[in-house]
Amino acid sequence: MKLRARTIGLGVMLMLGAFGTFAPKAFSQEAAVESAKRKVKSKVTPDFPALAKQMNVTGKVKIEATISADGRVTSTKVVGGSPLLVGSAVDALKRWRFEAAAKETTEIIEFDFN
């Protein structure tokens, strides 16, 4: 009986130890992503759509933007937000300019309409 309890205890300790070794790696990867953000050289503020204003629609719009090495937005993908606000946010983001970099990057940009 004591052998069984020791074996279970050892198994639990090994499992807990294994989980502890994975957590710092995930955290360090997140930190690396945050430090890789490109600086914005010029921003264009999106217009608040008239229909959204009339309907009192507010909120955030998240867009994934692919930025070329020379700093221009080459493509966009809507991640979330009201369909009434998305068009204006995408139009504005396409006119943003970022600092040049060695290669193409992808960024998540968030617009707050309130």
N, C-alpha and C. Protein backbone atom coordinates (compact mmCIF):
# COMPACT_ATOMS: atom_id res chain seq x y z
N MET A 1 0.83 -1.19 0.00
CA MET A 1 0.00 0.00 0.00
C MET A 1 0.87 1.26 0.00
N LYS A 2 1.96 1.25 0.81
CA LYS A 2 2.84 2.40 0.86
C LYS A 2 3.54 2.61 -0.48
N LEU A 3 3.87 1.54 -1.15
CA LEU A 3 4.54 1.63 -2.45
C LEU A 3 3.61 2.28 -3.47
N ARG A 4 2.35 1.91 -3.42
CA ARG A 4 1.37 2.50 -4.35
C ARG A 4 1.20 3.99 -4.09
N ALA A 5 1.14 4.41 -2.83
CA ALA A 5 1.01 5.82 -2.49
C ALA A 5 2.23 6.60 -2.94
N ARG A 6 3.42 6.01 -2.77
CA ARG A 6 4.65 6.69 -3.21
C ARG A 6 4.68 6.84 -4.72
N THR A 7 4.23 5.80 -5.42
CA THR A 7 4.22 5.84 -6.89
C THR A 7 3.27 6.92 -7.38
N ILE A 8 2.10 7.00 -6.79
CA ILE A 8 1.13 8.04 -7.17
C ILE A 8 1.68 9.42 -6.85
N GLY A 9 2.28 9.57 -5.68
CA GLY A 9 2.86 10.85 -5.30
C GLY A 9 3.97 11.27 -6.26
N LEU A 10 4.82 10.33 -6.64
CA LEU A 10 5.89 10.61 -7.58
C LEU A 10 5.32 11.01 -8.94
N GLY A 11 4.28 10.33 -9.37
CA GLY A 11 3.65 10.66 -10.65
C GLY A 11 3.07 12.07 -10.64
N VAL A 12 2.42 12.45 -9.56
CA VAL A 12 1.84 13.79 -9.44
C VAL A 12 2.96 14.84 -9.46
N MET A 13 4.04 14.57 -8.74
CA MET A 13 5.16 15.52 -8.72
C MET A 13 5.76 15.69 -10.10
N LEU A 14 5.91 14.60 -10.84
CA LEU A 14 6.46 14.69 -12.19
C LEU A 14 5.54 15.48 -13.12
N MET A 15 4.24 15.26 -12.99
CA MET A 15 3.29 16.00 -13.82
C MET A 15 3.33 17.48 -13.50
N LEU A 16 3.34 17.83 -12.22
CA LEU A 16 3.39 19.24 -11.83
C LEU A 16 4.70 19.87 -12.28
N GLY A 17 5.77 19.17 -12.18
CA GLY A 17 7.06 19.67 -12.63
C GLY A 17 7.07 19.90 -14.13
N ALA A 18 6.44 19.01 -14.88
CA ALA A 18 6.40 19.16 -16.33
C ALA A 18 5.59 20.38 -16.73
N PHE A 19 4.48 20.63 -16.04
CA PHE A 19 3.67 21.81 -16.35
C PHE A 19 4.44 23.08 -16.05
N GLY A 20 5.22 23.09 -15.00
CA GLY A 20 6.01 24.26 -14.63
C GLY A 20 7.06 24.60 -15.66
N THR A 21 7.58 23.60 -16.36
CA THR A 21 8.61 23.88 -17.36
C THR A 21 8.04 24.45 -18.64
N PHE A 22 6.77 24.19 -18.93
CA PHE A 22 6.18 24.71 -20.16
C PHE A 22 5.69 26.14 -20.03
N ALA A 23 5.27 26.58 -18.88
CA ALA A 23 4.70 27.91 -18.72
C ALA A 23 5.68 29.02 -19.09
N PRO A 24 6.94 29.02 -18.65
CA PRO A 24 7.83 30.11 -19.01
C PRO A 24 8.08 30.21 -20.51
N LYS A 25 8.10 29.08 -21.22
CA LYS A 25 8.32 29.12 -22.65
C LYS A 25 7.18 29.85 -23.36
N ALA A 26 5.93 29.55 -22.98
CA ALA A 26 4.79 30.21 -23.60
C ALA A 26 4.83 31.69 -23.31
N PHE A 27 5.19 32.07 -22.10
CA PHE A 27 5.24 33.47 -21.74
C PHE A 27 6.30 34.20 -22.55
N SER A 28 7.46 33.58 -22.73
CA SER A 28 8.53 34.24 -23.46
C SER A 28 8.18 34.41 -24.93
N GLN A 29 7.40 33.49 -25.51
CA GLN A 29 6.97 33.64 -26.89
C GLN A 29 6.02 34.81 -27.03
N GLU A 30 5.11 34.99 -26.06
CA GLU A 30 4.19 36.12 -26.11
C GLU A 30 4.95 37.43 -26.02
N ALA A 31 5.94 37.49 -25.17
CA ALA A 31 6.73 38.70 -25.03
C ALA A 31 7.47 39.01 -26.32
N ALA A 32 7.94 37.99 -27.02
CA ALA A 32 8.65 38.20 -28.28
C ALA A 32 7.72 38.78 -29.34
N VAL A 33 6.47 38.33 -29.35
CA VAL A 33 5.51 38.85 -30.32
C VAL A 33 5.25 40.33 -30.05
N GLU A 34 5.10 40.70 -28.79
CA GLU A 34 4.84 42.10 -28.45
C GLU A 34 5.99 43.01 -28.86
N SER A 35 7.23 42.54 -28.72
CA SER A 35 8.37 43.40 -29.03
C SER A 35 8.60 43.53 -30.53
N ALA A 36 7.94 42.71 -31.35
CA ALA A 36 8.15 42.73 -32.78
C ALA A 36 7.23 43.71 -33.51
N LYS A 37 6.43 44.47 -32.80
CA LYS A 37 5.49 45.38 -33.44
C LYS A 37 6.21 46.48 -34.21
N ARG A 38 5.68 46.81 -35.38
CA ARG A 38 6.26 47.86 -36.21
C ARG A 38 5.73 49.21 -35.76
N LYS A 39 6.56 50.22 -35.83
CA LYS A 39 6.14 51.57 -35.47
C LYS A 39 5.38 52.20 -36.62
N VAL A 40 4.35 52.97 -36.26
CA VAL A 40 3.52 53.64 -37.25
C VAL A 40 4.13 55.00 -37.55
N LYS A 41 4.33 55.29 -38.85
CA LYS A 41 4.84 56.60 -39.26
C LYS A 41 3.70 57.59 -39.43
N SER A 42 2.59 57.14 -40.02
CA SER A 42 1.43 58.03 -40.19
C SER A 42 0.14 57.23 -40.07
N LYS A 43 -0.80 57.81 -39.33
CA LYS A 43 -2.11 57.18 -39.11
C LYS A 43 -3.20 58.01 -39.75
N VAL A 44 -4.23 57.35 -40.20
CA VAL A 44 -5.43 58.02 -40.69
C VAL A 44 -6.57 57.58 -39.78
N THR A 45 -7.27 58.53 -39.20
CA THR A 45 -8.38 58.23 -38.30
C THR A 45 -9.62 57.87 -39.12
N PRO A 46 -10.28 56.76 -38.81
CA PRO A 46 -11.47 56.38 -39.58
C PRO A 46 -12.64 57.31 -39.29
N ASP A 47 -13.44 57.54 -40.32
CA ASP A 47 -14.67 58.33 -40.15
C ASP A 47 -15.70 57.45 -39.46
N PHE A 48 -16.51 58.08 -38.60
CA PHE A 48 -17.60 57.35 -37.95
C PHE A 48 -18.73 57.25 -38.97
N PRO A 49 -19.10 56.07 -39.42
CA PRO A 49 -20.15 55.92 -40.44
C PRO A 49 -21.47 56.54 -39.98
N ALA A 50 -22.14 57.22 -40.90
CA ALA A 50 -23.39 57.91 -40.57
C ALA A 50 -24.46 56.94 -40.07
N LEU A 51 -24.57 55.77 -40.70
CA LEU A 51 -25.59 54.80 -40.28
C LEU A 51 -25.30 54.29 -38.87
N ALA A 52 -24.03 54.05 -38.56
CA ALA A 52 -23.66 53.59 -37.23
C ALA A 52 -23.96 54.68 -36.19
N LYS A 53 -23.71 55.92 -36.55
CA LYS A 53 -23.99 57.05 -35.65
C LYS A 53 -25.50 57.16 -35.41
N GLN A 54 -26.27 57.02 -36.49
CA GLN A 54 -27.73 57.12 -36.40
C GLN A 54 -28.30 56.00 -35.54
N MET A 55 -27.70 54.82 -35.61
CA MET A 55 -28.19 53.66 -34.85
C MET A 55 -27.51 53.53 -33.49
N ASN A 56 -26.68 54.49 -33.12
CA ASN A 56 -25.94 54.48 -31.85
C ASN A 56 -25.09 53.22 -31.68
N VAL A 57 -24.43 52.80 -32.76
CA VAL A 57 -23.56 51.62 -32.73
C VAL A 57 -22.14 52.09 -32.38
N THR A 58 -21.58 51.51 -31.34
CA THR A 58 -20.20 51.80 -30.94
C THR A 58 -19.48 50.48 -30.73
N GLY A 59 -18.19 50.55 -30.53
CA GLY A 59 -17.44 49.33 -30.25
C GLY A 59 -16.06 49.36 -30.85
N LYS A 60 -15.42 48.21 -30.77
CA LYS A 60 -14.06 48.07 -31.28
C LYS A 60 -14.06 47.20 -32.53
N VAL A 61 -13.11 47.50 -33.41
CA VAL A 61 -12.91 46.71 -34.62
C VAL A 61 -11.46 46.26 -34.61
N LYS A 62 -11.24 44.95 -34.78
CA LYS A 62 -9.88 44.41 -34.85
C LYS A 62 -9.62 43.94 -36.27
N ILE A 63 -8.47 44.35 -36.79
CA ILE A 63 -8.10 44.00 -38.16
C ILE A 63 -6.67 43.47 -38.16
N GLU A 64 -6.47 42.36 -38.86
CA GLU A 64 -5.14 41.83 -39.06
C GLU A 64 -4.61 42.41 -40.37
N ALA A 65 -3.49 43.12 -40.30
CA ALA A 65 -2.93 43.77 -41.48
C ALA A 65 -1.59 43.15 -41.83
N THR A 66 -1.39 42.91 -43.12
CA THR A 66 -0.10 42.47 -43.62
C THR A 66 0.61 43.71 -44.14
N ILE A 67 1.82 43.94 -43.62
CA ILE A 67 2.57 45.15 -43.94
C ILE A 67 3.82 44.76 -44.71
N SER A 68 4.00 45.38 -45.87
CA SER A 68 5.16 45.06 -46.71
C SER A 68 6.44 45.61 -46.07
N ALA A 69 7.56 45.21 -46.61
CA ALA A 69 8.85 45.64 -46.07
C ALA A 69 9.00 47.16 -46.14
N ASP A 70 8.38 47.80 -47.14
CA ASP A 70 8.50 49.26 -47.26
C ASP A 70 7.51 50.03 -46.38
N GLY A 71 6.63 49.32 -45.64
CA GLY A 71 5.74 49.96 -44.67
C GLY A 71 4.32 50.19 -45.13
N ARG A 72 3.95 49.69 -46.28
CA ARG A 72 2.58 49.86 -46.77
C ARG A 72 1.72 48.65 -46.40
N VAL A 73 0.45 48.90 -46.14
CA VAL A 73 -0.50 47.82 -45.83
C VAL A 73 -0.88 47.16 -47.15
N THR A 74 -0.56 45.87 -47.28
CA THR A 74 -0.83 45.16 -48.53
C THR A 74 -2.14 44.37 -48.50
N SER A 75 -2.53 43.90 -47.31
CA SER A 75 -3.80 43.18 -47.21
C SER A 75 -4.35 43.29 -45.79
N THR A 76 -5.66 43.10 -45.68
CA THR A 76 -6.32 43.18 -44.38
C THR A 76 -7.28 42.01 -44.24
N LYS A 77 -7.51 41.64 -42.98
CA LYS A 77 -8.48 40.58 -42.66
C LYS A 77 -9.18 41.01 -41.37
N VAL A 78 -10.47 41.09 -41.39
CA VAL A 78 -11.24 41.51 -40.22
C VAL A 78 -11.25 40.37 -39.21
N VAL A 79 -10.85 40.70 -37.98
CA VAL A 79 -10.83 39.73 -36.89
C VAL A 79 -12.10 39.83 -36.07
N GLY A 80 -12.62 41.05 -35.90
CA GLY A 80 -13.85 41.22 -35.13
C GLY A 80 -14.34 42.64 -35.16
N GLY A 81 -15.62 42.80 -34.87
CA GLY A 81 -16.21 44.14 -34.81
C GLY A 81 -17.53 44.19 -35.55
N SER A 82 -18.24 45.28 -35.34
CA SER A 82 -19.54 45.48 -35.98
C SER A 82 -19.38 45.68 -37.48
N PRO A 83 -20.20 45.01 -38.28
CA PRO A 83 -20.14 45.20 -39.74
C PRO A 83 -20.38 46.65 -40.16
N LEU A 84 -21.09 47.41 -39.34
CA LEU A 84 -21.33 48.82 -39.67
C LEU A 84 -20.06 49.66 -39.53
N LEU A 85 -19.11 49.21 -38.72
CA LEU A 85 -17.89 49.97 -38.46
C LEU A 85 -16.67 49.47 -39.23
N VAL A 86 -16.73 48.23 -39.69
CA VAL A 86 -15.57 47.58 -40.30
C VAL A 86 -15.08 48.30 -41.55
N GLY A 87 -15.98 48.68 -42.44
CA GLY A 87 -15.58 49.30 -43.71
C GLY A 87 -14.76 50.56 -43.51
N SER A 88 -15.19 51.39 -42.61
CA SER A 88 -14.48 52.64 -42.33
C SER A 88 -13.10 52.36 -41.74
N ALA A 89 -13.01 51.38 -40.86
CA ALA A 89 -11.73 51.04 -40.23
C ALA A 89 -10.75 50.48 -41.26
N VAL A 90 -11.22 49.62 -42.14
CA VAL A 90 -10.36 49.03 -43.17
C VAL A 90 -9.87 50.12 -44.13
N ASP A 91 -10.76 51.01 -44.55
CA ASP A 91 -10.36 52.11 -45.45
C ASP A 91 -9.27 52.97 -44.83
N ALA A 92 -9.42 53.29 -43.56
CA ALA A 92 -8.42 54.11 -42.88
C ALA A 92 -7.09 53.36 -42.74
N LEU A 93 -7.16 52.09 -42.36
CA LEU A 93 -5.94 51.31 -42.15
C LEU A 93 -5.13 51.15 -43.43
N LYS A 94 -5.79 51.04 -44.55
CA LYS A 94 -5.08 50.90 -45.83
C LYS A 94 -4.24 52.14 -46.16
N ARG A 95 -4.55 53.26 -45.52
CA ARG A 95 -3.78 54.50 -45.76
C ARG A 95 -2.70 54.73 -44.71
N TRP A 96 -2.58 53.84 -43.72
CA TRP A 96 -1.52 53.96 -42.73
C TRP A 96 -0.18 53.64 -43.37
N ARG A 97 0.89 54.20 -42.81
CA ARG A 97 2.26 53.90 -43.23
C ARG A 97 3.08 53.52 -42.00
N PHE A 98 3.85 52.45 -42.13
CA PHE A 98 4.70 51.96 -41.05
C PHE A 98 6.16 52.15 -41.42
N GLU A 99 7.02 52.06 -40.42
CA GLU A 99 8.45 52.15 -40.68
C GLU A 99 8.89 50.94 -41.51
N ALA A 100 9.91 51.13 -42.32
CA ALA A 100 10.44 50.05 -43.14
C ALA A 100 11.05 48.97 -42.25
N ALA A 101 11.04 47.74 -42.76
CA ALA A 101 11.62 46.61 -42.02
C ALA A 101 12.29 45.68 -43.02
N ALA A 102 12.97 44.69 -42.51
CA ALA A 102 13.69 43.74 -43.36
C ALA A 102 12.75 42.84 -44.15
N LYS A 103 11.56 42.56 -43.59
CA LYS A 103 10.62 41.66 -44.27
C LYS A 103 9.18 42.04 -43.97
N GLU A 104 8.27 41.39 -44.65
CA GLU A 104 6.84 41.59 -44.45
C GLU A 104 6.43 41.11 -43.06
N THR A 105 5.53 41.83 -42.42
CA THR A 105 5.06 41.44 -41.10
C THR A 105 3.53 41.48 -41.05
N THR A 106 2.98 40.90 -40.00
CA THR A 106 1.54 40.91 -39.77
C THR A 106 1.28 41.50 -38.40
N GLU A 107 0.34 42.44 -38.33
CA GLU A 107 -0.01 43.12 -37.08
C GLU A 107 -1.51 43.06 -36.88
N ILE A 108 -1.93 43.08 -35.62
CA ILE A 108 -3.35 43.23 -35.28
C ILE A 108 -3.54 44.68 -34.84
N ILE A 109 -4.41 45.39 -35.54
CA ILE A 109 -4.71 46.78 -35.24
C ILE A 109 -6.13 46.87 -34.71
N GLU A 110 -6.31 47.65 -33.65
CA GLU A 110 -7.64 47.79 -33.04
C GLU A 110 -8.09 49.25 -33.11
N PHE A 111 -9.30 49.46 -33.61
CA PHE A 111 -9.92 50.78 -33.67
C PHE A 111 -11.05 50.82 -32.66
N ASP A 112 -11.19 51.94 -31.96
CA ASP A 112 -12.25 52.09 -30.95
C ASP A 112 -13.21 53.19 -31.42
N PHE A 113 -14.42 52.82 -31.77
CA PHE A 113 -15.44 53.76 -32.18
C PHE A 113 -16.36 54.03 -30.99
N ASN A 114 -16.35 55.25 -30.49
CA ASN A 114 -17.24 55.60 -29.39
C ASN A 114 -17.71 57.02 -29.48
